[in-house]
N, C-alpha and C. Protein backbone atom coordinates (compact mmCIF):
# COMPACT_ATOMS: atom_id res chain seq x y z
N MET A 1 0.84 -1.17 0.00
CA MET A 1 0.00 0.00 0.00
C MET A 1 0.89 1.24 0.00
N ASP A 2 0.67 2.13 -0.95
CA ASP A 2 1.44 3.37 -1.05
C ASP A 2 1.08 4.32 0.08
N HIS A 3 2.12 4.93 0.64
CA HIS A 3 1.93 6.01 1.61
C HIS A 3 1.79 7.30 0.80
N THR A 4 0.58 7.68 0.49
CA THR A 4 0.37 8.88 -0.32
C THR A 4 -0.06 10.08 0.52
N GLU A 5 -0.53 9.82 1.74
CA GLU A 5 -0.97 10.91 2.59
C GLU A 5 -0.33 10.91 3.98
N TRP A 6 0.07 9.75 4.48
CA TRP A 6 0.63 9.65 5.83
C TRP A 6 1.83 8.72 5.85
N GLU A 7 2.75 9.01 6.72
CA GLU A 7 3.91 8.18 6.97
C GLU A 7 3.59 7.20 8.10
N THR A 8 4.47 6.25 8.34
CA THR A 8 4.36 5.33 9.47
C THR A 8 5.44 5.68 10.48
N MET A 9 5.07 5.77 11.74
CA MET A 9 6.03 6.06 12.81
C MET A 9 6.17 4.83 13.68
N MET A 10 7.42 4.45 13.98
CA MET A 10 7.69 3.32 14.87
C MET A 10 8.63 3.78 15.97
N TYR A 11 8.38 3.28 17.16
CA TYR A 11 9.18 3.65 18.33
C TYR A 11 9.67 2.40 19.02
N VAL A 12 10.90 2.46 19.55
CA VAL A 12 11.43 1.38 20.36
C VAL A 12 12.40 1.99 21.36
N GLY A 13 12.44 1.44 22.55
CA GLY A 13 13.37 1.94 23.54
C GLY A 13 13.04 1.44 24.92
N ASP A 14 14.00 1.54 25.79
CA ASP A 14 13.84 1.10 27.17
C ASP A 14 13.48 2.25 28.09
N SER A 15 13.68 3.47 27.64
CA SER A 15 13.37 4.61 28.50
C SER A 15 12.61 5.66 27.70
N GLU A 16 11.85 6.48 28.41
CA GLU A 16 11.05 7.52 27.77
C GLU A 16 11.92 8.71 27.42
N PHE A 17 11.65 9.29 26.28
CA PHE A 17 12.31 10.54 25.93
C PHE A 17 11.37 11.71 26.21
N ARG A 18 10.09 11.53 25.91
CA ARG A 18 9.14 12.61 26.05
C ARG A 18 7.83 12.06 26.60
N VAL A 19 7.22 12.80 27.49
CA VAL A 19 5.97 12.36 28.11
C VAL A 19 4.90 13.44 27.90
N THR A 20 4.80 13.94 26.68
CA THR A 20 3.80 14.94 26.35
C THR A 20 3.16 14.57 25.03
N GLN A 21 2.12 15.29 24.67
CA GLN A 21 1.40 15.06 23.42
C GLN A 21 1.17 13.58 23.16
N GLU A 22 0.36 12.98 24.01
CA GLU A 22 -0.04 11.58 23.88
C GLU A 22 1.13 10.61 24.09
N GLY A 23 2.15 11.03 24.84
CA GLY A 23 3.31 10.19 25.12
C GLY A 23 3.02 9.24 26.25
N PRO A 24 3.92 8.48 26.77
CA PRO A 24 5.37 8.64 26.58
C PRO A 24 5.83 8.09 25.22
N HIS A 25 6.97 8.62 24.78
CA HIS A 25 7.57 8.16 23.53
C HIS A 25 8.96 7.62 23.83
N PRO A 26 9.28 6.40 23.42
CA PRO A 26 10.64 5.89 23.59
C PRO A 26 11.64 6.77 22.84
N ASN A 27 12.90 6.67 23.22
CA ASN A 27 13.91 7.58 22.69
C ASN A 27 14.47 7.18 21.33
N HIS A 28 13.97 6.13 20.72
CA HIS A 28 14.41 5.73 19.38
C HIS A 28 13.19 5.72 18.47
N GLN A 29 13.28 6.44 17.35
CA GLN A 29 12.14 6.55 16.44
C GLN A 29 12.59 6.31 15.01
N LEU A 30 11.77 5.61 14.25
CA LEU A 30 12.01 5.42 12.83
C LEU A 30 10.73 5.79 12.09
N ARG A 31 10.84 6.75 11.20
CA ARG A 31 9.72 7.20 10.37
C ARG A 31 9.92 6.56 9.00
N VAL A 32 8.85 5.98 8.46
CA VAL A 32 8.93 5.26 7.19
C VAL A 32 7.86 5.77 6.23
N SER A 33 8.27 6.00 5.01
CA SER A 33 7.33 6.31 3.94
C SER A 33 7.65 5.40 2.77
N VAL A 34 6.64 4.72 2.24
CA VAL A 34 6.86 3.72 1.19
C VAL A 34 5.93 3.99 0.01
N ARG A 35 6.47 3.85 -1.19
CA ARG A 35 5.67 3.93 -2.41
C ARG A 35 5.97 2.70 -3.27
N PRO A 36 5.34 1.56 -2.96
CA PRO A 36 5.58 0.34 -3.73
C PRO A 36 5.37 0.51 -5.23
N ALA A 37 4.44 1.35 -5.63
CA ALA A 37 4.19 1.56 -7.05
C ALA A 37 5.43 2.09 -7.77
N TYR A 38 6.31 2.77 -7.02
CA TYR A 38 7.53 3.32 -7.58
C TYR A 38 8.77 2.52 -7.18
N GLY A 39 8.64 1.63 -6.18
CA GLY A 39 9.76 0.83 -5.73
C GLY A 39 10.69 1.53 -4.75
N PHE A 40 10.21 2.62 -4.14
CA PHE A 40 11.07 3.39 -3.25
C PHE A 40 10.45 3.61 -1.88
N ALA A 41 11.33 3.87 -0.92
CA ALA A 41 10.94 4.21 0.45
C ALA A 41 11.94 5.25 0.95
N ALA A 42 11.59 5.92 2.04
CA ALA A 42 12.51 6.85 2.70
C ALA A 42 12.36 6.66 4.20
N LEU A 43 13.47 6.83 4.91
CA LEU A 43 13.50 6.64 6.36
C LEU A 43 14.02 7.89 7.04
N ASN A 44 13.51 8.14 8.23
CA ASN A 44 14.03 9.19 9.09
C ASN A 44 14.27 8.55 10.45
N TYR A 45 15.47 8.72 10.98
CA TYR A 45 15.88 8.09 12.23
C TYR A 45 16.12 9.16 13.28
N MET A 46 15.65 8.89 14.50
CA MET A 46 15.92 9.81 15.61
C MET A 46 16.33 9.01 16.83
N ASP A 47 17.43 9.41 17.43
CA ASP A 47 17.93 8.78 18.65
C ASP A 47 18.52 9.87 19.52
N GLN A 48 17.84 10.21 20.59
CA GLN A 48 18.28 11.29 21.46
C GLN A 48 19.58 10.98 22.19
N GLU A 49 20.02 9.72 22.15
CA GLU A 49 21.26 9.34 22.83
C GLU A 49 22.46 9.30 21.89
N ASP A 50 22.26 9.54 20.60
CA ASP A 50 23.35 9.50 19.62
C ASP A 50 23.98 10.89 19.53
N PRO A 51 25.20 11.06 20.03
CA PRO A 51 25.81 12.40 20.05
C PRO A 51 26.28 12.88 18.68
N HIS A 52 26.38 11.99 17.70
CA HIS A 52 26.92 12.36 16.40
C HIS A 52 25.87 12.67 15.34
N LEU A 53 24.76 11.94 15.38
CA LEU A 53 23.74 12.09 14.35
C LEU A 53 22.38 11.80 14.99
N THR A 54 21.87 12.79 15.71
CA THR A 54 20.62 12.61 16.46
C THR A 54 19.43 12.38 15.55
N ILE A 55 19.34 13.15 14.46
CA ILE A 55 18.24 13.00 13.51
C ILE A 55 18.84 12.92 12.11
N ALA A 56 18.44 11.89 11.35
CA ALA A 56 19.00 11.68 10.02
C ALA A 56 17.96 11.11 9.06
N ASN A 57 18.17 11.38 7.78
CA ASN A 57 17.36 10.80 6.71
C ASN A 57 18.18 9.77 5.96
N SER A 58 17.51 8.76 5.44
CA SER A 58 18.18 7.83 4.54
C SER A 58 18.77 8.64 3.38
N TYR A 59 19.80 8.06 2.74
CA TYR A 59 20.48 8.79 1.67
C TYR A 59 20.79 7.86 0.52
N ASN A 60 20.45 8.29 -0.67
CA ASN A 60 20.73 7.54 -1.89
C ASN A 60 21.71 8.35 -2.72
N PRO A 61 22.97 7.87 -2.87
CA PRO A 61 23.97 8.64 -3.61
C PRO A 61 23.83 8.53 -5.13
N ILE A 62 22.95 7.67 -5.62
CA ILE A 62 22.81 7.44 -7.06
C ILE A 62 22.10 8.64 -7.71
N ARG A 63 22.66 9.07 -8.84
CA ARG A 63 22.07 10.17 -9.61
C ARG A 63 21.69 9.66 -10.98
N PRO A 64 20.63 10.16 -11.58
CA PRO A 64 19.75 11.19 -11.05
C PRO A 64 18.90 10.65 -9.90
N VAL A 65 18.42 11.55 -9.06
CA VAL A 65 17.59 11.14 -7.93
C VAL A 65 16.25 10.64 -8.45
N PRO A 66 15.62 9.71 -7.73
CA PRO A 66 14.31 9.20 -8.16
C PRO A 66 13.26 10.30 -8.21
N ASP A 67 12.41 10.23 -9.20
CA ASP A 67 11.34 11.22 -9.37
C ASP A 67 10.10 10.73 -8.63
N VAL A 68 10.17 10.76 -7.30
CA VAL A 68 9.07 10.29 -6.47
C VAL A 68 9.00 11.14 -5.21
N ASP A 69 7.79 11.50 -4.81
CA ASP A 69 7.59 12.22 -3.56
C ASP A 69 7.20 11.22 -2.48
N LEU A 70 7.94 11.24 -1.38
CA LEU A 70 7.68 10.36 -0.24
C LEU A 70 7.30 11.22 0.95
N ILE A 71 6.14 10.95 1.51
CA ILE A 71 5.59 11.76 2.60
C ILE A 71 6.51 11.72 3.82
N PHE A 72 6.91 12.90 4.30
CA PHE A 72 7.64 12.99 5.56
C PHE A 72 6.66 13.18 6.71
N SER A 73 5.72 14.08 6.53
CA SER A 73 4.72 14.34 7.57
C SER A 73 3.36 14.59 6.93
N GLY A 74 2.45 13.68 7.18
CA GLY A 74 1.11 13.85 6.66
C GLY A 74 0.39 15.03 7.26
N SER A 75 0.74 15.38 8.49
CA SER A 75 0.05 16.50 9.15
C SER A 75 0.46 17.85 8.56
N THR A 76 1.67 17.95 8.01
CA THR A 76 2.12 19.21 7.42
C THR A 76 2.20 19.16 5.90
N GLY A 77 2.15 17.96 5.34
CA GLY A 77 2.25 17.81 3.89
C GLY A 77 3.67 17.84 3.37
N THR A 78 4.67 17.85 4.25
CA THR A 78 6.06 17.88 3.79
C THR A 78 6.46 16.51 3.26
N VAL A 79 7.41 16.54 2.33
CA VAL A 79 7.94 15.31 1.75
C VAL A 79 9.43 15.22 2.04
N PHE A 80 9.96 14.01 1.97
CA PHE A 80 11.40 13.80 2.11
C PHE A 80 12.11 14.45 0.92
N PRO A 81 13.37 14.86 1.11
CA PRO A 81 14.15 15.25 -0.06
C PRO A 81 14.30 14.02 -0.96
N ARG A 82 14.34 14.20 -2.24
CA ARG A 82 14.40 13.04 -3.15
C ARG A 82 15.67 12.23 -2.97
N THR A 83 16.71 12.83 -2.42
CA THR A 83 17.93 12.08 -2.15
C THR A 83 17.73 11.04 -1.04
N ALA A 84 16.62 11.12 -0.31
CA ALA A 84 16.33 10.15 0.75
C ALA A 84 15.68 8.88 0.22
N ALA A 85 15.27 8.87 -1.04
CA ALA A 85 14.58 7.71 -1.62
C ALA A 85 15.56 6.56 -1.85
N ILE A 86 15.30 5.44 -1.18
CA ILE A 86 16.12 4.23 -1.33
C ILE A 86 15.19 3.09 -1.76
N SER A 87 15.78 1.99 -2.20
CA SER A 87 14.95 0.86 -2.63
C SER A 87 14.18 0.30 -1.43
N ILE A 88 13.03 -0.27 -1.71
CA ILE A 88 12.24 -0.89 -0.64
C ILE A 88 13.01 -2.03 0.00
N VAL A 89 13.79 -2.76 -0.77
CA VAL A 89 14.60 -3.85 -0.22
C VAL A 89 15.59 -3.30 0.80
N ASP A 90 16.26 -2.19 0.46
CA ASP A 90 17.21 -1.58 1.40
C ASP A 90 16.50 -1.04 2.64
N ALA A 91 15.31 -0.45 2.44
CA ALA A 91 14.55 0.07 3.58
C ALA A 91 14.14 -1.06 4.51
N ARG A 92 13.73 -2.18 3.96
CA ARG A 92 13.35 -3.33 4.78
C ARG A 92 14.55 -3.83 5.58
N SER A 93 15.71 -3.93 4.93
CA SER A 93 16.92 -4.37 5.64
C SER A 93 17.24 -3.42 6.79
N ALA A 94 17.11 -2.12 6.55
CA ALA A 94 17.37 -1.14 7.60
C ALA A 94 16.37 -1.28 8.74
N LEU A 95 15.12 -1.50 8.42
CA LEU A 95 14.09 -1.67 9.45
C LEU A 95 14.38 -2.89 10.32
N VAL A 96 14.73 -4.00 9.69
CA VAL A 96 15.05 -5.22 10.45
C VAL A 96 16.26 -4.98 11.34
N GLU A 97 17.29 -4.34 10.80
CA GLU A 97 18.49 -4.05 11.61
C GLU A 97 18.14 -3.15 12.79
N TRP A 98 17.31 -2.14 12.56
CA TRP A 98 16.91 -1.23 13.64
C TRP A 98 16.15 -1.97 14.73
N LEU A 99 15.25 -2.86 14.35
CA LEU A 99 14.50 -3.62 15.34
C LEU A 99 15.40 -4.55 16.15
N MET A 100 16.44 -5.07 15.52
CA MET A 100 17.35 -5.99 16.20
C MET A 100 18.34 -5.26 17.11
N THR A 101 18.79 -4.08 16.70
CA THR A 101 19.88 -3.41 17.43
C THR A 101 19.44 -2.18 18.23
N ARG A 102 18.31 -1.60 17.87
CA ARG A 102 17.85 -0.34 18.46
C ARG A 102 18.85 0.79 18.23
N LYS A 103 19.59 0.69 17.16
CA LYS A 103 20.58 1.71 16.77
C LYS A 103 20.33 2.11 15.31
N ARG A 104 20.93 3.23 14.91
CA ARG A 104 20.82 3.66 13.52
C ARG A 104 21.38 2.56 12.62
N PRO A 105 20.61 2.07 11.68
CA PRO A 105 21.08 0.99 10.81
C PRO A 105 22.32 1.39 10.02
N SER A 106 23.26 0.48 9.93
CA SER A 106 24.50 0.75 9.21
C SER A 106 24.47 0.19 7.79
N CYS A 107 23.40 -0.50 7.42
CA CYS A 107 23.32 -1.12 6.10
C CYS A 107 22.95 -0.14 4.99
N ILE A 108 22.56 1.09 5.35
CA ILE A 108 22.27 2.13 4.37
C ILE A 108 23.04 3.38 4.75
N GLN A 109 23.08 4.34 3.82
CA GLN A 109 23.73 5.62 4.10
C GLN A 109 22.72 6.59 4.70
N TRP A 110 23.24 7.53 5.49
CA TRP A 110 22.40 8.54 6.17
C TRP A 110 22.98 9.92 5.93
N ARG A 111 22.12 10.92 5.99
CA ARG A 111 22.53 12.31 5.95
C ARG A 111 21.82 13.03 7.08
N PRO A 112 22.47 14.04 7.68
CA PRO A 112 21.81 14.79 8.76
C PRO A 112 20.47 15.34 8.29
N TYR A 113 19.52 15.30 9.18
CA TYR A 113 18.19 15.86 8.91
C TYR A 113 18.31 17.35 8.69
N ASP A 114 17.62 17.85 7.70
CA ASP A 114 17.58 19.27 7.40
C ASP A 114 16.12 19.69 7.46
N ALA A 115 15.81 20.66 8.27
CA ALA A 115 14.41 21.09 8.44
C ALA A 115 13.92 21.84 7.22
N TYR A 116 14.03 21.20 6.08
CA TYR A 116 13.63 21.78 4.81
C TYR A 116 12.22 22.21 4.93
């Protein structure tokens, strides 16, 4: 099912990071947007305990960038930068790694989040 209006948010962690706005929220978050019709997905990772890269987007170094819009936030209508579009296979591998390690997946490339 294509994410055309809303992204999926997943949380994992042993301790709370925030206890407001319908929280508590664990301190590790992975935001996922998938467009199977195009074969692409984008990820956003947040870990309040990571001193080097607290918030990051998936990164695809291949050019030209895919011509696909992937929802970053359904509530604001923002989309990921197109450089964040990675294959669904790579996104799945990153998701599995994140669930196993509770750390930023190392199987894909990341770039610092930019509040575009």
